[in-house]
Each structure stands twice: as structure tokens, then as C-alpha cells.
Amino acid sequence: MTYLQYFLTLDDDGIELVTNVVQDWCKVHHVPLECELGLEAMRFAVGRTLAGEKSPVALSEAITAHIHVESFRHPN
């Protein structure tokens, strides 16, 4: 499944929120968007956004708490 499929259930504001947050989150955590963790971040962010989350900061923090990326982080 591509990450674009997750957007089908979002409105324009939700798409913009999820896109920006997940791209930034992936960059900060050195996770490729198209890898399993990137796709999980996207799926999770869409779910949180559909549940009413509107804050980019809260959404990013929720992704981090959900995925626990520290054990997967690649060195610079």
C-alpha cells in the first residue's frame, strides 16, 4: 500500500496536516517515508487526524509515542 492511499479519507486540511507532520517526523527521525515505519507513521497520523487531532505538535508527539522510533534510528 502506498502512503497516498491513506489520504482518501481526509479533507484538504487533514491532508496538509498529515503530509507536513509525517514528512517532518520522518526527516527528524531518519526514517524513509516509504519504509514500513514511514507508512505506519502515515497510517497512525491519518487515524489521529480523523479522530479530531488538529495540532501538528501533538500529532508528531503521538507518532513518536506510538512507534518508539529510537530503537530503529539510523546513525547520521
C-alpha atoms as a PDB file:
ATOM      1  CA  MET A   1       0.000   0.000   0.000  1.00  0.00           C
ATOM      2  CA  THR A   2       1.339   3.429  -0.837  1.00  0.00           C
ATOM      3  CA  TYR A   3       1.075   6.309   1.556  1.00  0.00           C
ATOM      4  CA  LEU A   4      -1.243   8.120  -0.880  1.00  0.00           C
ATOM      5  CA  GLN A   5      -3.986   5.592  -0.200  1.00  0.00           C
ATOM      6  CA  TYR A   6      -4.186   6.768   3.405  1.00  0.00           C
ATOM      7  CA  PHE A   7      -5.295  10.222   2.263  1.00  0.00           C
ATOM      8  CA  LEU A   8      -8.577   9.044   0.729  1.00  0.00           C
ATOM      9  CA  THR A   9     -10.468   9.613   3.971  1.00  0.00           C
ATOM     10  CA  LEU A  10      -9.112  13.106   4.760  1.00  0.00           C
ATOM     11  CA  ASP A  11     -10.266  16.577   3.755  1.00  0.00           C
ATOM     12  CA  ASP A  12      -7.791  19.112   2.331  1.00  0.00           C
ATOM     13  CA  ASP A  13      -6.801  20.476   5.756  1.00  0.00           C
ATOM     14  CA  GLY A  14      -6.247  16.952   7.065  1.00  0.00           C
ATOM     15  CA  ILE A  15      -4.112  16.040   4.064  1.00  0.00           C
ATOM     16  CA  GLU A  16      -1.952  19.112   4.564  1.00  0.00           C
ATOM     17  CA  LEU A  17      -1.591  18.462   8.306  1.00  0.00           C
ATOM     18  CA  VAL A  18      -0.680  14.791   7.916  1.00  0.00           C
ATOM     19  CA  THR A  19       1.659  15.400   4.983  1.00  0.00           C
ATOM     20  CA  ASN A  20       3.613  18.124   6.753  1.00  0.00           C
ATOM     21  CA  VAL A  21       3.802  16.362  10.107  1.00  0.00           C
ATOM     22  CA  VAL A  22       4.779  12.941   8.749  1.00  0.00           C
ATOM     23  CA  GLN A  23       7.372  14.336   6.331  1.00  0.00           C
ATOM     24  CA  ASP A  24       8.944  16.384   9.132  1.00  0.00           C
ATOM     25  CA  TRP A  25       8.750  13.470  11.561  1.00  0.00           C
ATOM     26  CA  CYS A  26      10.417  11.104   9.094  1.00  0.00           C
ATOM     27  CA  LYS A  27      13.190  13.616   8.408  1.00  0.00           C
ATOM     28  CA  VAL A  28      13.894  14.227  12.104  1.00  0.00           C
ATOM     29  CA  HIS A  29      13.952  10.506  12.878  1.00  0.00           C
ATOM     30  CA  HIS A  30      15.865   9.494   9.726  1.00  0.00           C
ATOM     31  CA  VAL A  31      13.027   7.244   8.561  1.00  0.00           C
ATOM     32  CA  PRO A  32      12.280   6.953   4.822  1.00  0.00           C
ATOM     33  CA  LEU A  33       8.647   7.813   4.149  1.00  0.00           C
ATOM     34  CA  GLU A  34       8.135   4.710   2.001  1.00  0.00           C
ATOM     35  CA  CYS A  35       9.540   2.223   4.532  1.00  0.00           C
ATOM     36  CA  GLU A  36       7.434   0.251   6.979  1.00  0.00           C
ATOM     37  CA  LEU A  37       7.897   2.789   9.795  1.00  0.00           C
ATOM     38  CA  GLY A  38       7.121   5.706   7.499  1.00  0.00           C
ATOM     39  CA  LEU A  39       3.925   4.046   6.335  1.00  0.00           C
ATOM     40  CA  GLU A  40       2.964   3.228   9.907  1.00  0.00           C
ATOM     41  CA  ALA A  41       3.529   6.873  10.860  1.00  0.00           C
ATOM     42  CA  MET A  42       1.272   7.905   7.974  1.00  0.00           C
ATOM     43  CA  ARG A  43      -1.453   5.397   8.878  1.00  0.00           C
ATOM     44  CA  PHE A  44      -1.347   6.408  12.529  1.00  0.00           C
ATOM     45  CA  ALA A  45      -1.372  10.145  11.725  1.00  0.00           C
ATOM     46  CA  VAL A  46      -4.395   9.731   9.454  1.00  0.00           C
ATOM     47  CA  GLY A  47      -6.228   7.872  12.211  1.00  0.00           C
ATOM     48  CA  ARG A  48      -5.438  10.545  14.786  1.00  0.00           C
ATOM     49  CA  THR A  49      -6.455  13.298  12.381  1.00  0.00           C
ATOM     50  CA  LEU A  50      -9.754  11.563  11.621  1.00  0.00           C
ATOM     51  CA  ALA A  51     -10.292  11.294  15.387  1.00  0.00           C
ATOM     52  CA  GLY A  52     -10.042  15.080  15.619  1.00  0.00           C
ATOM     53  CA  GLU A  53      -6.375  15.900  16.223  1.00  0.00           C
ATOM     54  CA  LYS A  54      -5.563  19.301  14.702  1.00  0.00           C
ATOM     55  CA  SER A  55      -2.273  20.204  16.403  1.00  0.00           C
ATOM     56  CA  PRO A  56       0.899  19.441  14.427  1.00  0.00           C
ATOM     57  CA  VAL A  57       2.959  19.257  17.634  1.00  0.00           C
ATOM     58  CA  ALA A  58       0.544  16.883  19.352  1.00  0.00           C
ATOM     59  CA  LEU A  59       0.318  14.742  16.228  1.00  0.00           C
ATOM     60  CA  SER A  60       4.098  14.462  15.932  1.00  0.00           C
ATOM     61  CA  GLU A  61       4.429  13.583  19.623  1.00  0.00           C
ATOM     62  CA  ALA A  62       1.704  10.948  19.272  1.00  0.00           C
ATOM     63  CA  ILE A  63       3.518   9.353  16.327  1.00  0.00           C
ATOM     64  CA  THR A  64       6.751   9.207  18.334  1.00  0.00           C
ATOM     65  CA  ALA A  65       4.979   7.653  21.306  1.00  0.00           C
ATOM     66  CA  HIS A  66       3.220   5.138  19.063  1.00  0.00           C
ATOM     67  CA  ILE A  67       6.243   3.992  17.081  1.00  0.00           C
ATOM     68  CA  HIS A  68       9.077   4.250  19.640  1.00  0.00           C
ATOM     69  CA  VAL A  69      11.492   5.053  16.825  1.00  0.00           C
ATOM     70  CA  GLU A  70      14.589   5.340  18.974  1.00  0.00           C
ATOM     71  CA  SER A  71      15.387   1.650  18.597  1.00  0.00           C
ATOM     72  CA  PHE A  72      15.156   1.980  14.796  1.00  0.00           C
ATOM     73  CA  ARG A  73      17.062   5.229  14.329  1.00  0.00           C
ATOM     74  CA  HIS A  74      19.868   5.149  11.810  1.00  0.00           C
ATOM     75  CA  PRO A  75      23.124   6.972  12.582  1.00  0.00           C
ATOM     76  CA  ASN A  76      23.789  10.196  10.660  1.00  0.00           C
END
